[in-house]
C-alpha atoms as a PDB file:
ATOM      1  CA  MET A   1     250.653 115.945-127.474  1.00  0.00           C
ATOM      2  CA  SER A   2     253.338 112.762-127.247  1.00  0.00           C
ATOM      3  CA  THR A   3     254.576 110.397-130.288  1.00  0.00           C
ATOM      4  CA  GLU A   4     253.366 107.216-128.469  1.00  0.00           C
ATOM      5  CA  LYS A   5     249.749 109.309-128.227  1.00  0.00           C
ATOM      6  CA  LYS A   6     249.567 109.924-132.063  1.00  0.00           C
ATOM      7  CA  ILE A   7     250.855 106.237-133.640  1.00  0.00           C
ATOM      8  CA  THR A   8     247.967 104.935-130.885  1.00  0.00           C
ATOM      9  CA  GLU A   9     245.950 106.961-132.392  1.00  0.00           C
ATOM     10  CA  GLU A  10     246.322 106.513-135.856  1.00  0.00           C
ATOM     11  CA  ILE A  11     246.380 102.789-135.136  1.00  0.00           C
ATOM     12  CA  VAL A  12     243.251 102.751-134.253  1.00  0.00           C
ATOM     13  CA  GLU A  13     241.938 104.421-137.197  1.00  0.00           C
ATOM     14  CA  GLN A  14     244.025 102.075-139.010  1.00  0.00           C
ATOM     15  CA  LEU A  15     241.975  99.812-137.279  1.00  0.00           C
ATOM     16  CA  VAL A  16     238.342 101.089-138.074  1.00  0.00           C
ATOM     17  CA  PRO A  17     237.630  98.803-141.738  1.00  0.00           C
ATOM     18  CA  TYR A  18     238.261  96.299-139.176  1.00  0.00           C
ATOM     19  CA  GLN A  19     235.965  97.225-137.323  1.00  0.00           C
ATOM     20  CA  ALA A  20     238.063  95.551-133.967  1.00  0.00           C
ATOM     21  CA  ALA A  21     237.342  96.151-130.101  1.00  0.00           C
ATOM     22  CA  ILE A  22     239.927  97.863-128.389  1.00  0.00           C
ATOM     23  CA  ILE A  23     240.597  96.476-124.592  1.00  0.00           C
ATOM     24  CA  SER A  24     242.860  98.100-122.285  1.00  0.00           C
ATOM     25  CA  GLY A  25     243.256  99.061-118.532  1.00  0.00           C
ATOM     26  CA  LEU A  26     241.391 102.830-118.688  1.00  0.00           C
ATOM     27  CA  ALA A  27     245.089 104.103-117.423  1.00  0.00           C
ATOM     28  CA  TYR A  28     246.564 107.292-118.191  1.00  0.00           C
ATOM     29  CA  GLY A  29     248.282 107.663-121.489  1.00  0.00           C
ATOM     30  CA  ILE A  30     248.064 105.196-124.143  1.00  0.00           C
ATOM     31  CA  ASP A  31     245.089 103.388-122.799  1.00  0.00           C
ATOM     32  CA  ILE A  32     242.788 106.657-122.530  1.00  0.00           C
ATOM     33  CA  THR A  33     244.122 108.068-125.978  1.00  0.00           C
ATOM     34  CA  ALA A  34     242.991 104.060-127.042  1.00  0.00           C
ATOM     35  CA  HIS A  35     240.029 104.178-125.830  1.00  0.00           C
ATOM     36  CA  LYS A  36     238.928 107.847-126.624  1.00  0.00           C
ATOM     37  CA  ALA A  37     240.974 106.881-130.308  1.00  0.00           C
ATOM     38  CA  ALA A  38     238.122 103.479-130.240  1.00  0.00           C
ATOM     39  CA  LEU A  39     234.950 105.910-129.008  1.00  0.00           C
ATOM     40  CA  LYS A  40     236.061 108.550-131.881  1.00  0.00           C
ATOM     41  CA  HIS A  41     235.929 105.799-134.754  1.00  0.00           C
ATOM     42  CA  ASP A  42     232.351 103.917-132.850  1.00  0.00           C
ATOM     43  CA  LEU A  43     234.255 100.929-131.766  1.00  0.00           C
ATOM     44  CA  PRO A  44     233.624  98.561-129.147  1.00  0.00           C
ATOM     45  CA  THR A  45     236.369  99.574-126.569  1.00  0.00           C
ATOM     46  CA  PHE A  46     237.085  97.563-123.200  1.00  0.00           C
ATOM     47  CA  GLY A  47     238.744  98.292-120.198  1.00  0.00           C
ATOM     48  CA  VAL A  48     239.356  96.478-117.430  1.00  0.00           C
ATOM     49  CA  MET A  49     239.713  97.819-114.229  1.00  0.00           C
ATOM     50  CA  ALA A  50     241.910  96.740-111.335  1.00  0.00           C
ATOM     51  CA  ASN A  51     238.787  98.004-108.692  1.00  0.00           C
ATOM     52  CA  GLY A  52     235.193  98.013-108.375  1.00  0.00           C
ATOM     53  CA  LEU A  53     233.194  98.680-111.102  1.00  0.00           C
ATOM     54  CA  ASP A  54     231.318 101.269-108.703  1.00  0.00           C
ATOM     55  CA  LEU A  55     234.934 103.060-108.771  1.00  0.00           C
ATOM     56  CA  VAL A  56     236.120 104.467-111.844  1.00  0.00           C
ATOM     57  CA  TYR A  57     239.941 105.048-110.882  1.00  0.00           C
ATOM     58  CA  PRO A  58     241.706 107.537-112.354  1.00  0.00           C
ATOM     59  CA  VAL A  59     238.820 109.563-111.398  1.00  0.00           C
ATOM     60  CA  ALA A  60     239.572 111.802-114.704  1.00  0.00           C
ATOM     61  CA  HIS A  61     238.300 109.098-116.989  1.00  0.00           C
ATOM     62  CA  GLN A  62     234.746 108.788-114.867  1.00  0.00           C
ATOM     63  CA  LYS A  63     233.232 110.184-118.150  1.00  0.00           C
ATOM     64  CA  THR A  64     234.619 108.246-120.591  1.00  0.00           C
ATOM     65  CA  ALA A  65     234.733 105.103-118.727  1.00  0.00           C
ATOM     66  CA  LEU A  66     231.113 105.822-119.192  1.00  0.00           C
ATOM     67  CA  LEU A  67     230.849 106.315-122.999  1.00  0.00           C
ATOM     68  CA  MET A  68     232.902 102.839-123.174  1.00  0.00           C
ATOM     69  CA  GLN A  69     229.892 101.576-121.426  1.00  0.00           C
ATOM     70  CA  GLU A  70     227.079 102.417-124.184  1.00  0.00           C
ATOM     71  CA  LYS A  71     229.818 100.629-126.858  1.00  0.00           C
ATOM     72  CA  GLY A  72     231.521  98.304-124.766  1.00  0.00           C
ATOM     73  CA  GLY A  73     231.837  97.728-121.687  1.00  0.00           C
ATOM     74  CA  LEU A  74     233.822  97.594-117.868  1.00  0.00           C
ATOM     75  CA  PHE A  75     235.845  94.612-116.836  1.00  0.00           C
ATOM     76  CA  ARG A  76     237.066  93.831-113.398  1.00  0.00           C
ATOM     77  CA  SER A  77     239.641  92.115-112.238  1.00  0.00           C
ATOM     78  CA  LYS A  78     242.440  92.011-109.161  1.00  0.00           C
ATOM     79  CA  PRO A  79     244.825  94.479-109.802  1.00  0.00           C
ATOM     80  CA  TRP A  80     247.888  91.428-110.010  1.00  0.00           C
ATOM     81  CA  VAL A  81     246.304  90.275-112.785  1.00  0.00           C
ATOM     82  CA  ARG A  82     244.400  93.023-114.854  1.00  0.00           C
ATOM     83  CA  ASN A  83     247.094  92.721-117.223  1.00  0.00           C
ATOM     84  CA  GLN A  84     246.657  89.202-117.887  1.00  0.00           C
ATOM     85  CA  ILE A  85     242.766  89.800-118.018  1.00  0.00           C
ATOM     86  CA  ALA A  86     243.741  92.396-121.218  1.00  0.00           C
ATOM     87  CA  ALA A  87     246.361  89.691-122.552  1.00  0.00           C
ATOM     88  CA  PHE A  88     243.350  87.233-122.982  1.00  0.00           C
ATOM     89  CA  PHE A  89     241.173  89.562-124.661  1.00  0.00           C
ATOM     90  CA  TRP A  90     243.464  89.943-127.206  1.00  0.00           C
ATOM     91  CA  THR A  91     244.016  86.720-128.721  1.00  0.00           C
ATOM     92  CA  VAL A  92     243.725  87.846-132.769  1.00  0.00           C
ATOM     93  CA  THR A  93     246.431  89.810-134.208  1.00  0.00           C
ATOM     94  CA  ALA A  94     246.379  91.394-137.630  1.00  0.00           C
ATOM     95  CA  SER A  95     248.653  92.387-139.789  1.00  0.00           C
ATOM     96  CA  LEU A  96     248.410  95.603-140.651  1.00  0.00           C
ATOM     97  CA  PRO A  97     250.391  98.075-143.504  1.00  0.00           C
ATOM     98  CA  ASP A  98     252.946 100.571-142.540  1.00  0.00           C
ATOM     99  CA  PHE A  99     251.370 103.327-140.916  1.00  0.00           C
ATOM    100  CA  ARG A 100     254.002 105.947-141.143  1.00  0.00           C
ATOM    101  CA  THR A 101     253.744 105.890-144.899  1.00  0.00           C
END
């Protein structure tokens, strides 16, 4: 597992006491890592997808997307505004203790 994925899992774990929601794009890499970590820790998680809700892409993330609908949800957006929509939902900035110690 890459360092980035490990750090992502650690950050999500640090958010558990705050019951924070994870909002990301359901893409490969840290996006799917964050969604899976949220599900593991019973946190709400939302995927902002650039295609219709009837087609999960990447296809390898279909199972995770189904689980996310039980504990969060999926949003559809135009491909060119997907990141802006995810950023819109990210309205709260938490000051977390240094998780590297």
